[in-house]
C-alpha atoms as a PDB file:
ATOM      1  CA  MET A   1      83.812  78.004 103.158  1.00  0.00           C
ATOM      2  CA  TYR A   2      84.795  80.944 100.956  1.00  0.00           C
ATOM      3  CA  THR A   3      87.701  82.345  98.987  1.00  0.00           C
ATOM      4  CA  ILE A   4      88.323  85.442  96.844  1.00  0.00           C
ATOM      5  CA  ASN A   5      88.483  85.608  93.064  1.00  0.00           C
ATOM      6  CA  LEU A   6      90.200  88.590  91.378  1.00  0.00           C
ATOM      7  CA  GLU A   7      89.790  89.669  87.754  1.00  0.00           C
ATOM      8  CA  TYR A   8      92.500  91.878  86.263  1.00  0.00           C
ATOM      9  CA  THR A   9      94.293  92.892  83.090  1.00  0.00           C
ATOM     10  CA  THR A  10      97.905  91.806  82.564  1.00  0.00           C
ATOM     11  CA  GLY A  11     100.293  91.918  79.644  1.00  0.00           C
ATOM     12  CA  SER A  12     103.393  93.600  78.281  1.00  0.00           C
ATOM     13  CA  SER A  13     104.359  96.531  76.075  1.00  0.00           C
ATOM     14  CA  PHE A  14     103.004  94.598  73.104  1.00  0.00           C
ATOM     15  CA  HIS A  15      99.711  93.107  74.282  1.00  0.00           C
ATOM     16  CA  SER A  16      97.282  92.843  77.147  1.00  0.00           C
ATOM     17  CA  GLU A  17      94.780  90.247  78.246  1.00  0.00           C
ATOM     18  CA  GLU A  18      92.136  89.836  80.880  1.00  0.00           C
ATOM     19  CA  THR A  19      92.748  87.081  83.387  1.00  0.00           C
ATOM     20  CA  GLU A  20      91.782  86.045  86.884  1.00  0.00           C
ATOM     21  CA  THR A  21      93.167  84.352  89.939  1.00  0.00           C
ATOM     22  CA  THR A  22      91.512  82.702  92.896  1.00  0.00           C
ATOM     23  CA  LEU A  23      93.316  82.761  96.222  1.00  0.00           C
ATOM     24  CA  THR A  24      94.162  79.377  97.703  1.00  0.00           C
ATOM     25  CA  ALA A  25      92.148  79.817 100.882  1.00  0.00           C
ATOM     26  CA  ASN A  26      89.105  78.434 102.672  1.00  0.00           C
ATOM     27  CA  TRP A  27      87.723  81.074 105.022  1.00  0.00           C
ATOM     28  CA  SER A  28      84.519  81.595 106.910  1.00  0.00           C
ATOM     29  CA  LEU A  29      82.255  84.200 105.334  1.00  0.00           C
ATOM     30  CA  GLU A  30      83.170  86.773 108.015  1.00  0.00           C
ATOM     31  CA  THR A  31      86.916  86.281 107.438  1.00  0.00           C
ATOM     32  CA  ALA A  32      86.442  86.481 103.669  1.00  0.00           C
ATOM     33  CA  LYS A  33      84.601  89.810 104.094  1.00  0.00           C
ATOM     34  CA  ILE A  34      87.477  91.193 106.173  1.00  0.00           C
ATOM     35  CA  ASN A  35      89.976  90.035 103.555  1.00  0.00           C
ATOM     36  CA  LEU A  36      87.990  91.534 100.685  1.00  0.00           C
ATOM     37  CA  LYS A  37      88.173  94.881 102.521  1.00  0.00           C
ATOM     38  CA  ARG A  38      91.921  94.411 103.073  1.00  0.00           C
ATOM     39  CA  ILE A  39      92.502  93.722  99.379  1.00  0.00           C
ATOM     40  CA  LYS A  40      90.463  96.782  98.433  1.00  0.00           C
ATOM     41  CA  ALA A  41      92.411  99.016 100.876  1.00  0.00           C
ATOM     42  CA  HIS A  42      95.746  97.569  99.716  1.00  0.00           C
ATOM     43  CA  TYR A  43      94.896  98.162  96.058  1.00  0.00           C
ATOM     44  CA  LYS A  44      93.803 101.737  96.804  1.00  0.00           C
ATOM     45  CA  ALA A  45      97.113 102.431  98.585  1.00  0.00           C
ATOM     46  CA  TYR A  46      98.986 100.763  95.717  1.00  0.00           C
ATOM     47  CA  SER A  47      97.137 102.946  93.185  1.00  0.00           C
ATOM     48  CA  ASP A  48      97.633 106.072  95.304  1.00  0.00           C
ATOM     49  CA  ARG A  49     101.365 105.405  95.577  1.00  0.00           C
ATOM     50  CA  ASN A  50     101.647 105.041  91.815  1.00  0.00           C
ATOM     51  CA  ALA A  51      99.864 108.382  91.412  1.00  0.00           C
ATOM     52  CA  TYR A  52     102.330 109.992  93.846  1.00  0.00           C
ATOM     53  CA  VAL A  53     105.285 108.508  92.001  1.00  0.00           C
ATOM     54  CA  SER A  54     103.930 109.807  88.723  1.00  0.00           C
ATOM     55  CA  CYS A  55     103.265 113.375  89.805  1.00  0.00           C
ATOM     56  CA  MET A  56     104.131 114.206  93.419  1.00  0.00           C
ATOM     57  CA  MET A  57     107.325 112.556  94.682  1.00  0.00           C
ATOM     58  CA  GLY A  58     108.353 113.632  98.135  1.00  0.00           C
ATOM     59  CA  LYS A  59     106.451 114.548 101.246  1.00  0.00           C
ATOM     60  CA  LYS A  60     103.049 113.200 100.183  1.00  0.00           C
ATOM     61  CA  GLU A  61     104.579 109.823  99.389  1.00  0.00           C
ATOM     62  CA  ASP A  62     106.281 109.819 102.799  1.00  0.00           C
ATOM     63  CA  GLU A  63     102.913 110.512 104.442  1.00  0.00           C
ATOM     64  CA  LEU A  64     101.245 107.715 102.481  1.00  0.00           C
ATOM     65  CA  PHE A  65     103.996 105.263 103.395  1.00  0.00           C
ATOM     66  CA  GLU A  66     103.793 106.132 107.111  1.00  0.00           C
ATOM     67  CA  LYS A  67     100.037 105.604 107.004  1.00  0.00           C
ATOM     68  CA  ILE A  68     100.108 102.239 105.241  1.00  0.00           C
ATOM     69  CA  LYS A  69     102.715 100.803 107.626  1.00  0.00           C
ATOM     70  CA  GLN A  70      99.944 100.835 110.258  1.00  0.00           C
ATOM     71  CA  GLU A  71      97.438  98.896 108.149  1.00  0.00           C
ATOM     72  CA  PRO A  72      96.645  95.245 109.014  1.00  0.00           C
ATOM     73  CA  TRP A  73      97.273  94.223 105.385  1.00  0.00           C
ATOM     74  CA  TYR A  74     100.785  95.749 105.297  1.00  0.00           C
ATOM     75  CA  PHE A  75     103.660  93.315 104.801  1.00  0.00           C
ATOM     76  CA  SER A  76     107.311  94.123 105.242  1.00  0.00           C
ATOM     77  CA  ASN A  77     110.318  91.865 105.014  1.00  0.00           C
ATOM     78  CA  PRO A  78     113.451  93.399 106.604  1.00  0.00           C
ATOM     79  CA  GLU A  79     115.606  91.602 104.021  1.00  0.00           C
ATOM     80  CA  TRP A  80     113.884  93.632 101.285  1.00  0.00           C
ATOM     81  CA  GLU A  81     114.276  97.019 102.947  1.00  0.00           C
ATOM     82  CA  TYR A  82     116.834  99.438 101.611  1.00  0.00           C
ATOM     83  CA  PRO A  83     117.808 102.941 102.695  1.00  0.00           C
ATOM     84  CA  ASN A  84     115.023 104.011 100.332  1.00  0.00           C
ATOM     85  CA  ALA A  85     111.990 102.667 102.234  1.00  0.00           C
ATOM     86  CA  TYR A  86     109.868 102.655  99.080  1.00  0.00           C
ATOM     87  CA  CYS A  87     111.762  99.652  97.734  1.00  0.00           C
ATOM     88  CA  ASN A  88     110.435  97.107 100.212  1.00  0.00           C
ATOM     89  CA  HIS A  89     107.933  95.564  97.783  1.00  0.00           C
ATOM     90  CA  TRP A  90     104.860  95.959 100.032  1.00  0.00           C
ATOM     91  CA  GLU A  91     103.005  96.627  96.804  1.00  0.00           C
ATOM     92  CA  PHE A  92     103.143  92.983  95.733  1.00  0.00           C
ATOM     93  CA  THR A  93     102.225  91.239  98.999  1.00  0.00           C
ATOM     94  CA  VAL A  94      99.120  91.568 101.151  1.00  0.00           C
ATOM     95  CA  MET A  95      98.565  90.152 104.633  1.00  0.00           C
ATOM     96  CA  LEU A  96      95.195  88.449 104.925  1.00  0.00           C
ATOM     97  CA  LEU A  97      93.453  87.130 108.014  1.00  0.00           C
ATOM     98  CA  GLU A  98      93.083  83.409 108.552  1.00  0.00           C
ATOM     99  CA  ASP A  99      90.177  81.882 110.474  1.00  0.00           C
ATOM    100  CA  ASP A 100      92.462  81.065 113.416  1.00  0.00           C
ATOM    101  CA  GLY A 101      93.295  84.768 113.887  1.00  0.00           C
ATOM    102  CA  THR A 102      96.758  84.665 112.333  1.00  0.00           C
ATOM    103  CA  ASN A 103      97.818  86.610 109.256  1.00  0.00           C
ATOM    104  CA  LYS A 104      99.224  85.020 106.119  1.00  0.00           C
ATOM    105  CA  GLN A 105     100.963  86.689 103.194  1.00  0.00           C
ATOM    106  CA  TYR A 106      99.519  86.415  99.691  1.00  0.00           C
ATOM    107  CA  HIS A 107     101.252  87.504  96.485  1.00  0.00           C
ATOM    108  CA  CYS A 108      99.321  90.175  94.557  1.00  0.00           C
ATOM    109  CA  ASP A 109      99.301  88.901  90.968  1.00  0.00           C
ATOM    110  CA  TRP A 110      96.936  91.798  90.152  1.00  0.00           C
ATOM    111  CA  CYS A 111      99.559  94.460  91.018  1.00  0.00           C
ATOM    112  CA  GLY A 112     102.345  95.299  88.608  1.00  0.00           C
ATOM    113  CA  TYR A 113     103.429  97.635  85.850  1.00  0.00           C
ATOM    114  CA  PHE A 114     101.018  96.167  83.297  1.00  0.00           C
ATOM    115  CA  GLU A 115      98.348  94.948  85.736  1.00  0.00           C
ATOM    116  CA  HIS A 116      95.058  96.643  86.556  1.00  0.00           C
ATOM    117  CA  LEU A 117      92.531  95.163  88.967  1.00  0.00           C
ATOM    118  CA  HIS A 118      88.929  95.225  87.754  1.00  0.00           C
ATOM    119  CA  ARG A 119      87.003  93.203  90.295  1.00  0.00           C
ATOM    120  CA  ALA A 120      87.415  91.118  93.430  1.00  0.00           C
ATOM    121  CA  ARG A 121      84.645  88.968  94.801  1.00  0.00           C
ATOM    122  CA  ILE A 122      83.962  86.446  97.499  1.00  0.00           C
ATOM    123  CA  VAL A 123      82.980  83.056  96.114  1.00  0.00           C
ATOM    124  CA  ALA A 124      81.812  79.904  97.814  1.00  0.00           C
ATOM    125  CA  VAL A 125      84.365  77.096  97.642  1.00  0.00           C
ATOM    126  CA  ASN A 126      81.675  74.435  97.948  1.00  0.00           C
ATOM    127  CA  PRO A 127      78.441  76.241  97.089  1.00  0.00           C
ATOM    128  CA  LYS A 128      75.551  75.218  99.334  1.00  0.00           C
ATOM    129  CA  GLY A 129      72.289  76.949  98.646  1.00  0.00           C
ATOM    130  CA  ASP A 130      71.847  80.522  97.483  1.00  0.00           C
ATOM    131  CA  ASP A 131      74.492  82.488  99.407  1.00  0.00           C
ATOM    132  CA  SER A 132      75.207  85.702  97.507  1.00  0.00           C
ATOM    133  CA  ASP A 133      78.722  86.332  96.317  1.00  0.00           C
ATOM    134  CA  MET A 134      80.087  89.694  97.452  1.00  0.00           C
ATOM    135  CA  GLU A 135      82.337  91.836  95.303  1.00  0.00           C
ATOM    136  CA  PHE A 136      83.783  95.228  94.507  1.00  0.00           C
ATOM    137  CA  GLU A 137      84.833  96.745  91.206  1.00  0.00           C
ATOM    138  CA  VAL A 138      87.704  99.163  90.686  1.00  0.00           C
END
C-alpha cells in the first residue's frame, strides 16, 4: 500500500520553515499515481490563480475557474459559495481517488499565503522490496 508525502515551506511574516505532511491514506500504487497527478494539477491551478489575482484580475480568472470546476480534483461546498465564486475555498481542498472508486476530500496544508510546495512523492506505507518511490518537484 502507498500514500503521498508532501514537502513545503510554511511560516509567517516573521519566519519560514520547511516542513512536510503525509496524507492519511493507504492506496494501491495505481491509485496513488492518479492522486499524485491530481495534487500536481491542483497545485498548478492554485499557483495559476494566484498569478491571475496578482496581475490579471477579470476574464482570465473567470476562464481558469470555469476550467477547474471540471477537474476530478475540484471540491466545492455550496455552504462556502458566495456571489463572488472565487471565495469557495477550492484552493485548500483536493478530491483524491480512493481504491473503491469514490472520491475523498483532503485538506491542502501545502497551500496558503505563506506556503510553497516543493515536492510530492509516493511512498510505500509498509515497504516490501525495492519498489521505487515516485515524485515531482515544483
